[in-house]
Amino acid sequence: AQFAEVEGFAHVHFHVMPRMANLSQELRGPRVLELLRRPAQ
């Protein structure tokens, strides 16, 4: 995926994300982006 829209990160960049067999259905496809910008823990 490529968006480059977040403040401070407008520099073009491509996300290359592994889709594991056990990734929950709720996080598949574009919903995988929910795993970005997570709290430290």
Full PDB file with SEQRES, HELIX, SHEET, SSBOND, CRYST1, ORIGX, SCALE, CONECT and MASTER records, all heavy atoms in Angstrom:
SEQRES   1 A   41  ALA GLN PHE ALA GLU VAL GLU GLY PHE ALA HIS VAL HIS          
SEQRES   2 A   41  PHE HIS VAL MET PRO ARG MET ALA ASN LEU SER GLN GLU          
SEQRES   3 A   41  LEU ARG GLY PRO ARG VAL LEU GLU LEU LEU ARG ARG PRO          
SEQRES   4 A   41  ALA GLN                                                      
HELIX    1 AA1 GLN A   25  LEU A   27  5                                   3    
HELIX    2 AA2 GLY A   29  LEU A   35  5                                   7    
CRYST1    1.000    1.000    1.000  90.00  90.00  90.00 P 1           1          
ORIGX1      1.000000  0.000000  0.000000        0.00000                         
ORIGX2      0.000000  1.000000  0.000000        0.00000                         
ORIGX3      0.000000  0.000000  1.000000        0.00000                         
SCALE1      1.000000  0.000000  0.000000        0.00000                         
SCALE2      0.000000  1.000000  0.000000        0.00000                         
SCALE3      0.000000  0.000000  1.000000        0.00000                         
ATOM      1  N   ALA A   1       0.848  -1.200   0.000  1.00  0.00           N  
ATOM      2  CA  ALA A   1       0.000   0.000   0.000  1.00  0.00           C  
ATOM      3  C   ALA A   1       0.878   1.242   0.000  1.00  0.00           C  
ATOM      4  O   ALA A   1       2.003   1.223   0.505  1.00  0.00           O  
ATOM      5  CB  ALA A   1      -0.903   0.004   1.224  1.00  0.00           C  
ATOM      6  N   GLN A   2       0.331   2.335  -0.542  1.00  0.00           N  
ATOM      7  CA  GLN A   2       1.037   3.612  -0.546  1.00  0.00           C  
ATOM      8  C   GLN A   2       0.009   4.727  -0.361  1.00  0.00           C  
ATOM      9  O   GLN A   2      -0.972   4.792  -1.095  1.00  0.00           O  
ATOM     10  CB  GLN A   2       1.785   3.794  -1.876  1.00  0.00           C  
ATOM     11  CG  GLN A   2       2.757   4.960  -1.913  1.00  0.00           C  
ATOM     12  CD  GLN A   2       2.121   6.317  -2.172  1.00  0.00           C  
ATOM     13  OE1 GLN A   2       1.166   6.460  -2.921  1.00  0.00           O  
ATOM     14  NE2 GLN A   2       2.656   7.320  -1.521  1.00  0.00           N  
ATOM     15  N   PHE A   3       0.214   5.556   0.661  1.00  0.00           N  
ATOM     16  CA  PHE A   3      -0.676   6.687   0.919  1.00  0.00           C  
ATOM     17  C   PHE A   3       0.104   7.981   1.110  1.00  0.00           C  
ATOM     18  O   PHE A   3      -0.166   8.966   0.469  1.00  0.00           O  
ATOM     19  CB  PHE A   3      -1.563   6.425   2.144  1.00  0.00           C  
ATOM     20  CG  PHE A   3      -2.398   5.189   2.004  1.00  0.00           C  
ATOM     21  CD1 PHE A   3      -2.066   4.029   2.680  1.00  0.00           C  
ATOM     22  CD2 PHE A   3      -3.507   5.172   1.174  1.00  0.00           C  
ATOM     23  CE1 PHE A   3      -2.826   2.883   2.539  1.00  0.00           C  
ATOM     24  CE2 PHE A   3      -4.275   4.029   1.023  1.00  0.00           C  
ATOM     25  CZ  PHE A   3      -3.930   2.880   1.708  1.00  0.00           C  
ATOM     26  N   ALA A   4       1.071   8.013   2.037  1.00  0.00           N  
ATOM     27  CA  ALA A   4       1.905   9.183   2.328  1.00  0.00           C  
ATOM     28  C   ALA A   4       1.066  10.412   2.665  1.00  0.00           C  
ATOM     29  O   ALA A   4       1.274  11.485   2.118  1.00  0.00           O  
ATOM     30  CB  ALA A   4       2.862   9.463   1.165  1.00  0.00           C  
ATOM     31  N   GLU A   5       0.133  10.254   3.591  1.00  0.00           N  
ATOM     32  CA  GLU A   5      -0.769  11.343   3.954  1.00  0.00           C  
ATOM     33  C   GLU A   5      -0.624  11.813   5.404  1.00  0.00           C  
ATOM     34  O   GLU A   5      -1.104  12.882   5.746  1.00  0.00           O  
ATOM     35  CB  GLU A   5      -2.228  10.904   3.731  1.00  0.00           C  
ATOM     36  CG  GLU A   5      -2.577  10.610   2.284  1.00  0.00           C  
ATOM     37  CD  GLU A   5      -2.658  11.850   1.409  1.00  0.00           C  
ATOM     38  OE1 GLU A   5      -2.634  12.975   1.926  1.00  0.00           O  
ATOM     39  OE2 GLU A   5      -2.748  11.671   0.187  1.00  0.00           O  
ATOM     40  N   VAL A   6       0.018  11.037   6.262  1.00  0.00           N  
ATOM     41  CA  VAL A   6       0.134  11.406   7.675  1.00  0.00           C  
ATOM     42  C   VAL A   6       1.105  12.576   7.830  1.00  0.00           C  
ATOM     43  O   VAL A   6       2.160  12.607   7.185  1.00  0.00           O  
ATOM     44  CB  VAL A   6       0.595  10.191   8.515  1.00  0.00           C  
ATOM     45  CG1 VAL A   6       0.873  10.584   9.958  1.00  0.00           C  
ATOM     46  CG2 VAL A   6      -0.451   9.085   8.448  1.00  0.00           C  
ATOM     47  N   GLU A   7       0.745  13.539   8.655  1.00  0.00           N  
ATOM     48  CA  GLU A   7       1.578  14.711   8.910  1.00  0.00           C  
ATOM     49  C   GLU A   7       3.001  14.281   9.264  1.00  0.00           C  
ATOM     50  O   GLU A   7       3.205  13.429  10.125  1.00  0.00           O  
ATOM     51  CB  GLU A   7       0.992  15.522  10.074  1.00  0.00           C  
ATOM     52  CG  GLU A   7       1.746  16.785  10.398  1.00  0.00           C  
ATOM     53  CD  GLU A   7       1.570  17.862   9.341  1.00  0.00           C  
ATOM     54  OE1 GLU A   7       0.508  17.903   8.694  1.00  0.00           O  
ATOM     55  OE2 GLU A   7       2.511  18.653   9.156  1.00  0.00           O  
ATOM     56  N   GLY A   8       3.979  14.841   8.562  1.00  0.00           N  
ATOM     57  CA  GLY A   8       5.377  14.510   8.790  1.00  0.00           C  
ATOM     58  C   GLY A   8       5.870  13.320   7.985  1.00  0.00           C  
ATOM     59  O   GLY A   8       7.058  13.011   7.993  1.00  0.00           O  
ATOM     60  N   PHE A   9       4.950  12.624   7.331  1.00  0.00           N  
ATOM     61  CA  PHE A   9       5.307  11.428   6.557  1.00  0.00           C  
ATOM     62  C   PHE A   9       4.757  11.510   5.133  1.00  0.00           C  
ATOM     63  O   PHE A   9       4.320  10.521   4.557  1.00  0.00           O  
ATOM     64  CB  PHE A   9       4.779  10.165   7.258  1.00  0.00           C  
ATOM     65  CG  PHE A   9       5.428   9.924   8.586  1.00  0.00           C  
ATOM     66  CD1 PHE A   9       4.893  10.483   9.741  1.00  0.00           C  
ATOM     67  CD2 PHE A   9       6.583   9.171   8.680  1.00  0.00           C  
ATOM     68  CE1 PHE A   9       5.494  10.283  10.974  1.00  0.00           C  
ATOM     69  CE2 PHE A   9       7.200   8.962   9.910  1.00  0.00           C  
ATOM     70  CZ  PHE A   9       6.659   9.521  11.055  1.00  0.00           C  
ATOM     71  N   ALA A  10       4.787  12.708   4.546  1.00  0.00           N  
ATOM     72  CA  ALA A  10       4.287  12.904   3.186  1.00  0.00           C  
ATOM     73  C   ALA A  10       5.264  12.374   2.140  1.00  0.00           C  
ATOM     74  O   ALA A  10       4.914  12.262   0.973  1.00  0.00           O  
ATOM     75  CB  ALA A  10       4.002  14.383   2.936  1.00  0.00           C  
ATOM     76  N   HIS A  11       6.476  12.039   2.556  1.00  0.00           N  
ATOM     77  CA  HIS A  11       7.477  11.431   1.689  1.00  0.00           C  
ATOM     78  C   HIS A  11       6.892  10.102   1.187  1.00  0.00           C  
ATOM     79  O   HIS A  11       6.438   9.279   1.985  1.00  0.00           O  
ATOM     80  CB  HIS A  11       8.735  11.176   2.522  1.00  0.00           C  
ATOM     81  CG  HIS A  11       9.939  10.750   1.774  1.00  0.00           C  
ATOM     82  ND1 HIS A  11      11.054  11.542   1.697  1.00  0.00           N  
ATOM     83  CD2 HIS A  11      10.239   9.613   1.104  1.00  0.00           C  
ATOM     84  CE1 HIS A  11      11.990  10.909   1.010  1.00  0.00           C  
ATOM     85  NE2 HIS A  11      11.511   9.733   0.639  1.00  0.00           N  
ATOM     86  N   VAL A  12       6.871   9.893  -0.113  1.00  0.00           N  
ATOM     87  CA  VAL A  12       6.325   8.650  -0.665  1.00  0.00           C  
ATOM     88  C   VAL A  12       6.973   7.456   0.019  1.00  0.00           C  
ATOM     89  O   VAL A  12       8.188   7.440   0.248  1.00  0.00           O  
ATOM     90  CB  VAL A  12       6.557   8.573  -2.192  1.00  0.00           C  
ATOM     91  CG1 VAL A  12       6.393   7.161  -2.722  1.00  0.00           C  
ATOM     92  CG2 VAL A  12       5.619   9.510  -2.924  1.00  0.00           C  
ATOM     93  N   HIS A  13       6.169   6.484   0.388  1.00  0.00           N  
ATOM     94  CA  HIS A  13       6.682   5.232   0.940  1.00  0.00           C  
ATOM     95  C   HIS A  13       5.648   4.147   0.696  1.00  0.00           C  
ATOM     96  O   HIS A  13       4.450   4.409   0.653  1.00  0.00           O  
ATOM     97  CB  HIS A  13       7.023   5.362   2.425  1.00  0.00           C  
ATOM     98  CG  HIS A  13       5.891   5.826   3.283  1.00  0.00           C  
ATOM     99  ND1 HIS A  13       5.481   7.147   3.337  1.00  0.00           N  
ATOM    100  CD2 HIS A  13       5.063   5.154   4.103  1.00  0.00           C  
ATOM    101  CE1 HIS A  13       4.464   7.261   4.175  1.00  0.00           C  
ATOM    102  NE2 HIS A  13       4.178   6.063   4.643  1.00  0.00           N  
ATOM    103  N   PHE A  14       6.135   2.950   0.500  1.00  0.00           N  
ATOM    104  CA  PHE A  14       5.282   1.799   0.238  1.00  0.00           C  
ATOM    105  C   PHE A  14       5.341   0.857   1.431  1.00  0.00           C  
ATOM    106  O   PHE A  14       6.425   0.457   1.854  1.00  0.00           O  
ATOM    107  CB  PHE A  14       5.744   1.071  -1.032  1.00  0.00           C  
ATOM    108  CG  PHE A  14       5.613   1.918  -2.262  1.00  0.00           C  
ATOM    109  CD1 PHE A  14       6.624   2.796  -2.633  1.00  0.00           C  
ATOM    110  CD2 PHE A  14       4.479   1.859  -3.050  1.00  0.00           C  
ATOM    111  CE1 PHE A  14       6.505   3.603  -3.759  1.00  0.00           C  
ATOM    112  CE2 PHE A  14       4.342   2.660  -4.176  1.00  0.00           C  
ATOM    113  CZ  PHE A  14       5.365   3.533  -4.531  1.00  0.00           C  
ATOM    114  N   HIS A  15       4.186   0.540   1.964  1.00  0.00           N  
ATOM    115  CA  HIS A  15       4.087  -0.440   3.040  1.00  0.00           C  
ATOM    116  C   HIS A  15       4.046  -1.820   2.397  1.00  0.00           C  
ATOM    117  O   HIS A  15       3.258  -2.051   1.474  1.00  0.00           O  
ATOM    118  CB  HIS A  15       2.808  -0.226   3.849  1.00  0.00           C  
ATOM    119  CG  HIS A  15       2.764   1.093   4.553  1.00  0.00           C  
ATOM    120  ND1 HIS A  15       3.262   1.256   5.828  1.00  0.00           N  
ATOM    121  CD2 HIS A  15       2.295   2.295   4.163  1.00  0.00           C  
ATOM    122  CE1 HIS A  15       3.092   2.523   6.187  1.00  0.00           C  
ATOM    123  NE2 HIS A  15       2.513   3.175   5.195  1.00  0.00           N  
ATOM    124  N   VAL A  16       4.886  -2.716   2.869  1.00  0.00           N  
ATOM    125  CA  VAL A  16       4.893  -4.105   2.404  1.00  0.00           C  
ATOM    126  C   VAL A  16       4.693  -4.952   3.661  1.00  0.00           C  
ATOM    127  O   VAL A  16       5.572  -5.045   4.508  1.00  0.00           O  
ATOM    128  CB  VAL A  16       6.200  -4.462   1.679  1.00  0.00           C  
ATOM    129  CG1 VAL A  16       6.145  -5.899   1.145  1.00  0.00           C  
ATOM    130  CG2 VAL A  16       6.480  -3.477   0.541  1.00  0.00           C  
ATOM    131  N   MET A  17       3.489  -5.504   3.782  1.00  0.00           N  
ATOM    132  CA  MET A  17       3.065  -6.143   5.021  1.00  0.00           C  
ATOM    133  C   MET A  17       2.859  -7.640   4.821  1.00  0.00           C  
ATOM    134  O   MET A  17       2.165  -8.041   3.893  1.00  0.00           O  
ATOM    135  CB  MET A  17       1.753  -5.526   5.494  1.00  0.00           C  
ATOM    136  CG  MET A  17       1.840  -4.022   5.675  1.00  0.00           C  
ATOM    137  SD  MET A  17       0.236  -3.188   5.439  1.00  0.00           S  
ATOM    138  CE  MET A  17       0.170  -3.059   3.651  1.00  0.00           C  
ATOM    139  N   PRO A  18       3.450  -8.462   5.705  1.00  0.00           N  
ATOM    140  CA  PRO A  18       3.229  -9.903   5.595  1.00  0.00           C  
ATOM    141  C   PRO A  18       1.807 -10.257   6.037  1.00  0.00           C  
ATOM    142  O   PRO A  18       1.329  -9.764   7.054  1.00  0.00           O  
ATOM    143  CB  PRO A  18       4.267 -10.496   6.550  1.00  0.00           C  
ATOM    144  CG  PRO A  18       4.507  -9.429   7.570  1.00  0.00           C  
ATOM    145  CD  PRO A  18       4.320  -8.123   6.836  1.00  0.00           C  
ATOM    146  N   ARG A  19       1.140 -11.066   5.231  1.00  0.00           N  
ATOM    147  CA  ARG A  19      -0.202 -11.551   5.616  1.00  0.00           C  
ATOM    148  C   ARG A  19      -0.032 -12.996   6.048  1.00  0.00           C  
ATOM    149  O   ARG A  19       0.182 -13.896   5.252  1.00  0.00           O  
ATOM    150  CB  ARG A  19      -1.145 -11.438   4.415  1.00  0.00           C  
ATOM    151  CG  ARG A  19      -2.603 -11.252   4.757  1.00  0.00           C  
ATOM    152  CD  ARG A  19      -3.261 -12.347   5.554  1.00  0.00           C  
ATOM    153  NE  ARG A  19      -4.348 -12.939   4.774  1.00  0.00           N  
ATOM    154  CZ  ARG A  19      -4.670 -14.202   4.847  1.00  0.00           C  
ATOM    155  NH1 ARG A  19      -4.038 -15.026   5.648  1.00  0.00           N  
ATOM    156  NH2 ARG A  19      -5.641 -14.673   4.119  1.00  0.00           N  
ATOM    157  N   MET A  20      -0.052 -13.176   7.354  1.00  0.00           N  
ATOM    158  CA  MET A  20       0.132 -14.500   7.928  1.00  0.00           C  
ATOM    159  C   MET A  20      -1.157 -15.313   7.781  1.00  0.00           C  
ATOM    160  O   MET A  20      -2.251 -14.748   7.726  1.00  0.00           O  
ATOM    161  CB  MET A  20       0.527 -14.389   9.407  1.00  0.00           C  
ATOM    162  CG  MET A  20       1.761 -13.521   9.656  1.00  0.00           C  
ATOM    163  SD  MET A  20       3.229 -13.997   8.723  1.00  0.00           S  
ATOM    164  CE  MET A  20       3.637 -15.534   9.531  1.00  0.00           C  
ATOM    165  N   ALA A  21      -1.021 -16.608   7.740  1.00  0.00           N  
ATOM    166  CA  ALA A  21      -2.184 -17.496   7.604  1.00  0.00           C  
ATOM    167  C   ALA A  21      -3.156 -17.307   8.760  1.00  0.00           C  
ATOM    168  O   ALA A  21      -4.375 -17.405   8.578  1.00  0.00           O  
ATOM    169  CB  ALA A  21      -1.736 -18.949   7.516  1.00  0.00           C  
ATOM    170  N   ASN A  22      -2.636 -17.006   9.937  1.00  0.00           N  
ATOM    171  CA  ASN A  22      -3.488 -16.897  11.126  1.00  0.00           C  
ATOM    172  C   ASN A  22      -3.959 -15.467  11.416  1.00  0.00           C  
ATOM    173  O   ASN A  22      -4.520 -15.213  12.495  1.00  0.00           O  
ATOM    174  CB  ASN A  22      -2.775 -17.474  12.349  1.00  0.00           C  
ATOM    175  CG  ASN A  22      -1.532 -16.691  12.728  1.00  0.00           C  
ATOM    176  OD1 ASN A  22      -1.073 -15.819  11.998  1.00  0.00           O  
ATOM    177  ND2 ASN A  22      -0.969 -17.022  13.879  1.00  0.00           N  
ATOM    178  N   LEU A  23      -3.762 -14.536  10.492  1.00  0.00           N  
ATOM    179  CA  LEU A  23      -4.245 -13.170  10.709  1.00  0.00           C  
ATOM    180  C   LEU A  23      -5.767 -13.197  10.804  1.00  0.00           C  
ATOM    181  O   LEU A  23      -6.437 -13.750   9.923  1.00  0.00           O  
ATOM    182  CB  LEU A  23      -3.797 -12.244   9.574  1.00  0.00           C  
ATOM    183  CG  LEU A  23      -4.155 -10.760   9.749  1.00  0.00           C  
ATOM    184  CD1 LEU A  23      -3.399 -10.151  10.926  1.00  0.00           C  
ATOM    185  CD2 LEU A  23      -3.852  -9.997   8.470  1.00  0.00           C  
ATOM    186  N   SER A  24      -6.299 -12.617  11.841  1.00  0.00           N  
ATOM    187  CA  SER A  24      -7.744 -12.655  12.037  1.00  0.00           C  
ATOM    188  C   SER A  24      -8.478 -12.000  10.873  1.00  0.00           C  
ATOM    189  O   SER A  24      -7.985 -11.052  10.257  1.00  0.00           O  
ATOM    190  CB  SER A  24      -8.135 -11.977  13.357  1.00  0.00           C  
ATOM    191  OG  SER A  24      -7.962 -10.595  13.264  1.00  0.00           O  
ATOM    192  N   GLN A  25      -9.637 -12.514  10.593  1.00  0.00           N  
ATOM    193  CA  GLN A  25     -10.474 -12.023   9.492  1.00  0.00           C  
ATOM    194  C   GLN A  25     -10.720 -10.523   9.624  1.00  0.00           C  
ATOM    195  O   GLN A  25     -10.768  -9.810   8.629  1.00  0.00           O  
ATOM    196  CB  GLN A  25     -11.805 -12.795   9.509  1.00  0.00           C  
ATOM    197  CG  GLN A  25     -12.553 -12.791   8.225  1.00  0.00           C  
ATOM    198  CD  GLN A  25     -11.837 -13.506   7.079  1.00  0.00           C  
ATOM    199  OE1 GLN A  25     -11.111 -14.462   7.270  1.00  0.00           O  
ATOM    200  NE2 GLN A  25     -12.040 -13.019   5.884  1.00  0.00           N  
ATOM    201  N   GLU A  26     -10.837 -10.029  10.856  1.00  0.00           N  
ATOM    202  CA  GLU A  26     -11.120  -8.616  11.099  1.00  0.00           C  
ATOM    203  C   GLU A  26      -9.970  -7.689  10.717  1.00  0.00           C  
ATOM    204  O   GLU A  26     -10.151  -6.481  10.617  1.00  0.00           O  
ATOM    205  CB  GLU A  26     -11.459  -8.388  12.589  1.00  0.00           C  
ATOM    206  CG  GLU A  26     -12.703  -9.090  13.067  1.00  0.00           C  
ATOM    207  CD  GLU A  26     -12.480 -10.580  13.353  1.00  0.00           C  
ATOM    208  OE1 GLU A  26     -11.365 -10.973  13.754  1.00  0.00           O  
ATOM    209  OE2 GLU A  26     -13.428 -11.359  13.147  1.00  0.00           O  
ATOM    210  N   LEU A  27      -8.765  -8.261  10.519  1.00  0.00           N  
ATOM    211  CA  LEU A  27      -7.597  -7.441  10.194  1.00  0.00           C  
ATOM    212  C   LEU A  27      -7.087  -7.687   8.778  1.00  0.00           C  
ATOM    213  O   LEU A  27      -6.036  -7.187   8.402  1.00  0.00           O  
ATOM    214  CB  LEU A  27      -6.471  -7.702  11.203  1.00  0.00           C  
ATOM    215  CG  LEU A  27      -6.751  -7.218  12.622  1.00  0.00           C  
ATOM    216  CD1 LEU A  27      -5.669  -7.694  13.573  1.00  0.00           C  
ATOM    217  CD2 LEU A  27      -6.886  -5.707  12.658  1.00  0.00           C  
ATOM    218  N   ARG A  28      -7.822  -8.418   7.988  1.00  0.00           N  
ATOM    219  CA  ARG A  28      -7.376  -8.708   6.622  1.00  0.00           C  
ATOM    220  C   ARG A  28      -7.728  -7.574   5.674  1.00  0.00           C  
ATOM    221  O   ARG A  28      -8.624  -6.786   5.931  1.00  0.00           O  
ATOM    222  CB  ARG A  28      -7.976 -10.026   6.141  1.00  0.00           C  
ATOM    223  CG  ARG A  28      -7.388 -11.195   6.902  1.00  0.00           C  
ATOM    224  CD  ARG A  28      -7.840 -12.513   6.382  1.00  0.00           C  
ATOM    225  NE  ARG A  28      -7.321 -13.572   7.251  1.00  0.00           N  
ATOM    226  CZ  ARG A  28      -7.559 -14.841   7.079  1.00  0.00           C  
ATOM    227  NH1 ARG A  28      -8.291 -15.258   6.054  1.00  0.00           N  
ATOM    228  NH2 ARG A  28      -7.064 -15.721   7.917  1.00  0.00           N  
ATOM    229  N   GLY A  29      -6.982  -7.519   4.558  1.00  0.00           N  
ATOM    230  CA  GLY A  29      -7.206  -6.463   3.584  1.00  0.00           C  
ATOM    231  C   GLY A  29      -6.812  -5.117   4.175  1.00  0.00           C  
ATOM    232  O   GLY A  29      -5.878  -5.030   4.977  1.00  0.00           O  
ATOM    233  N   PRO A  30      -7.519  -4.054   3.790  1.00  0.00           N  
ATOM    234  CA  PRO A  30      -7.130  -2.716   4.249  1.00  0.00           C  
ATOM    235  C   PRO A  30      -7.234  -2.537   5.764  1.00  0.00           C  
ATOM    236  O   PRO A  30      -6.615  -1.637   6.328  1.00  0.00           O  
ATOM    237  CB  PRO A  30      -8.092  -1.777   3.515  1.00  0.00           C  
ATOM    238  CG  PRO A  30      -9.193  -2.627   3.008  1.00  0.00           C  
ATOM    239  CD  PRO A  30      -8.658  -4.019   2.873  1.00  0.00           C  
ATOM    240  N   ARG A  31      -7.963  -3.417   6.428  1.00  0.00           N  
ATOM    241  CA  ARG A  31      -8.078  -3.316   7.896  1.00  0.00           C  
ATOM    242  C   ARG A  31      -6.765  -3.647   8.607  1.00  0.00           C  
ATOM    243  O   ARG A  31      -6.612  -3.369   9.783  1.00  0.00           O  
ATOM    244  CB  ARG A  31      -9.223  -4.187   8.389  1.00  0.00           C  
ATOM    245  CG  ARG A  31     -10.586  -3.686   7.902  1.00  0.00           C  
ATOM    246  CD  ARG A  31     -11.740  -4.534   8.424  1.00  0.00           C  
ATOM    247  NE  ARG A  31     -11.600  -5.947   8.119  1.00  0.00           N  
ATOM    248  CZ  ARG A  31     -12.090  -6.557   7.031  1.00  0.00           C  
ATOM    249  NH1 ARG A  31     -12.757  -5.872   6.138  1.00  0.00           N  
ATOM    250  NH2 ARG A  31     -11.911  -7.854   6.851  1.00  0.00           N  
ATOM    251  N   VAL A  32      -5.783  -4.206   7.868  1.00  0.00           N  
ATOM    252  CA  VAL A  32      -4.477  -4.476   8.457  1.00  0.00           C  
ATOM    253  C   VAL A  32      -3.840  -3.174   8.951  1.00  0.00           C  
ATOM    254  O   VAL A  32      -3.024  -3.178   9.874  1.00  0.00           O  
ATOM    255  CB  VAL A  32      -3.547  -5.215   7.462  1.00  0.00           C  
ATOM    256  CG1 VAL A  32      -3.064  -4.283   6.360  1.00  0.00           C  
ATOM    257  CG2 VAL A  32      -2.389  -5.867   8.183  1.00  0.00           C  
ATOM    258  N   LEU A  33      -4.245  -2.049   8.369  1.00  0.00           N  
ATOM    259  CA  LEU A  33      -3.697  -0.755   8.787  1.00  0.00           C  
ATOM    260  C   LEU A  33      -3.998  -0.446  10.254  1.00  0.00           C  
ATOM    261  O   LEU A  33      -3.335   0.396  10.857  1.00  0.00           O  
ATOM    262  CB  LEU A  33      -4.220   0.366   7.887  1.00  0.00           C  
ATOM    263  CG  LEU A  33      -3.754   0.279   6.425  1.00  0.00           C  
ATOM    264  CD1 LEU A  33      -4.476   1.319   5.578  1.00  0.00           C  
ATOM    265  CD2 LEU A  33      -2.257   0.442   6.310  1.00  0.00           C  
ATOM    266  N   GLU A  34      -4.971  -1.145  10.838  1.00  0.00           N  
ATOM    267  CA  GLU A  34      -5.256  -0.970  12.265  1.00  0.00           C  
ATOM    268  C   GLU A  34      -4.090  -1.413  13.142  1.00  0.00           C  
ATOM    269  O   GLU A  34      -4.022  -1.054  14.314  1.00  0.00           O  
ATOM    270  CB  GLU A  34      -6.530  -1.729  12.642  1.00  0.00           C  
ATOM    271  CG  GLU A  34      -7.777  -1.160  11.983  1.00  0.00           C  
ATOM    272  CD  GLU A  34      -9.022  -1.989  12.253  1.00  0.00           C  
ATOM    273  OE1 GLU A  34      -9.073  -2.679  13.295  1.00  0.00           O  
ATOM    274  OE2 GLU A  34      -9.948  -1.940  11.429  1.00  0.00           O  
ATOM    275  N   LEU A  35      -3.161  -2.193  12.572  1.00  0.00           N  
ATOM    276  CA  LEU A  35      -2.004  -2.662  13.336  1.00  0.00           C  
ATOM    277  C   LEU A  35      -0.857  -1.654  13.330  1.00  0.00           C  
ATOM    278  O   LEU A  35       0.176  -1.882  13.937  1.00  0.00           O  
ATOM    279  CB  LEU A  35      -1.520  -4.011  12.784  1.00  0.00           C  
ATOM    280  CG  LEU A  35      -2.508  -5.159  12.970  1.00  0.00           C  
ATOM    281  CD1 LEU A  35      -2.003  -6.413  12.270  1.00  0.00           C  
ATOM    282  CD2 LEU A  35      -2.763  -5.421  14.449  1.00  0.00           C  
ATOM    283  N   LEU A  36      -1.052  -0.523  12.668  1.00  0.00           N  
ATOM    284  CA  LEU A  36      -0.044   0.537  12.633  1.00  0.00           C  
ATOM    285  C   LEU A  36      -0.402   1.612  13.656  1.00  0.00           C  
ATOM    286  O   LEU A  36      -1.569   1.794  13.995  1.00  0.00           O  
ATOM    287  CB  LEU A  36       0.011   1.142  11.227  1.00  0.00           C  
ATOM    288  CG  LEU A  36       1.218   1.982  10.861  1.00  0.00           C  
ATOM    289  CD1 LEU A  36       2.510   1.182  11.006  1.00  0.00           C  
ATOM    290  CD2 LEU A  36       1.078   2.477   9.438  1.00  0.00           C  
ATOM    291  N   ARG A  37       0.610   2.304  14.141  1.00  0.00           N  
ATOM    292  CA  ARG A  37       0.448   3.362  15.152  1.00  0.00           C  
ATOM    293  C   ARG A  37      -0.214   2.817  16.419  1.00  0.00           C  
ATOM    294  O   ARG A  37      -1.108   3.415  16.985  1.00  0.00           O  
ATOM    295  CB  ARG A  37      -0.301   4.563  14.580  1.00  0.00           C  
ATOM    296  CG  ARG A  37       0.487   5.274  13.496  1.00  0.00           C  
ATOM    297  CD  ARG A  37      -0.086   6.628  13.111  1.00  0.00           C  
ATOM    298  NE  ARG A  37      -1.507   6.668  12.879  1.00  0.00           N  
ATOM    299  CZ  ARG A  37      -2.102   6.491  11.695  1.00  0.00           C  
ATOM    300  NH1 ARG A  37      -1.388   6.246  10.644  1.00  0.00           N  
ATOM    301  NH2 ARG A  37      -3.411   6.569  11.594  1.00  0.00           N  
ATOM    302  N   ARG A  38       0.268   1.688  16.864  1.00  0.00           N  
ATOM    303  CA  ARG A  38      -0.246   1.047  18.063  1.00  0.00           C  
ATOM    304  C   ARG A  38       0.442   1.599  19.299  1.00  0.00           C  
ATOM    305  O   ARG A  38       1.581   2.080  19.219  1.00  0.00           O  
ATOM    306  CB  ARG A  38      -0.016  -0.467  17.993  1.00  0.00           C  
ATOM    307  CG  ARG A  38      -0.675  -1.129  16.788  1.00  0.00           C  
ATOM    308  CD  ARG A  38      -2.147  -0.918  16.788  1.00  0.00           C  
ATOM    309  NE  ARG A  38      -2.787  -1.926  17.589  1.00  0.00           N  
ATOM    310  CZ  ARG A  38      -4.025  -2.318  17.441  1.00  0.00           C  
ATOM    311  NH1 ARG A  38      -4.765  -1.772  16.500  1.00  0.00           N  
ATOM    312  NH2 ARG A  38      -4.549  -3.222  18.209  1.00  0.00           N  
ATOM    313  N   PRO A  39      -0.222   1.508  20.450  1.00  0.00           N  
ATOM    314  CA  PRO A  39       0.433   1.915  21.702  1.00  0.00           C  
ATOM    315  C   PRO A  39       1.687   1.069  21.935  1.00  0.00           C  
ATOM    316  O   PRO A  39       1.772  -0.073  21.466  1.00  0.00           O  
ATOM    317  CB  PRO A  39      -0.622   1.606  22.771  1.00  0.00           C  
ATOM    318  CG  PRO A  39      -1.909   1.476  22.036  1.00  0.00           C  
ATOM    319  CD  PRO A  39      -1.588   1.044  20.650  1.00  0.00           C  
ATOM    320  N   ALA A  40       2.627   1.621  22.652  1.00  0.00           N  
ATOM    321  CA  ALA A  40       3.927   0.976  22.856  1.00  0.00           C  
ATOM    322  C   ALA A  40       3.817  -0.466  23.339  1.00  0.00           C  
ATOM    323  O   ALA A  40       4.546  -1.340  22.870  1.00  0.00           O  
ATOM    324  CB  ALA A  40       4.771   1.798  23.825  1.00  0.00           C  
ATOM    325  N   GLN A  41       2.906  -0.744  24.254  1.00  0.00           N  
ATOM    326  CA  GLN A  41       2.803  -2.101  24.808  1.00  0.00           C  
ATOM    327  C   GLN A  41       2.276  -3.126  23.799  1.00  0.00           C  
ATOM    328  O   GLN A  41       2.406  -4.319  24.014  1.00  0.00           O  
ATOM    329  CB  GLN A  41       1.955  -2.117  26.091  1.00  0.00           C  
ATOM    330  CG  GLN A  41       0.494  -1.777  25.897  1.00  0.00           C  
ATOM    331  CD  GLN A  41       0.175  -0.293  25.932  1.00  0.00           C  
ATOM    332  OE1 GLN A  41       1.051   0.548  25.773  1.00  0.00           O  
ATOM    333  NE2 GLN A  41      -1.086   0.051  26.141  1.00  0.00           N  
TER     334      GLN A  41                                                      
MASTER        0    0    0    2    0    0    0    6  333    1    0    4          
END                                                                             
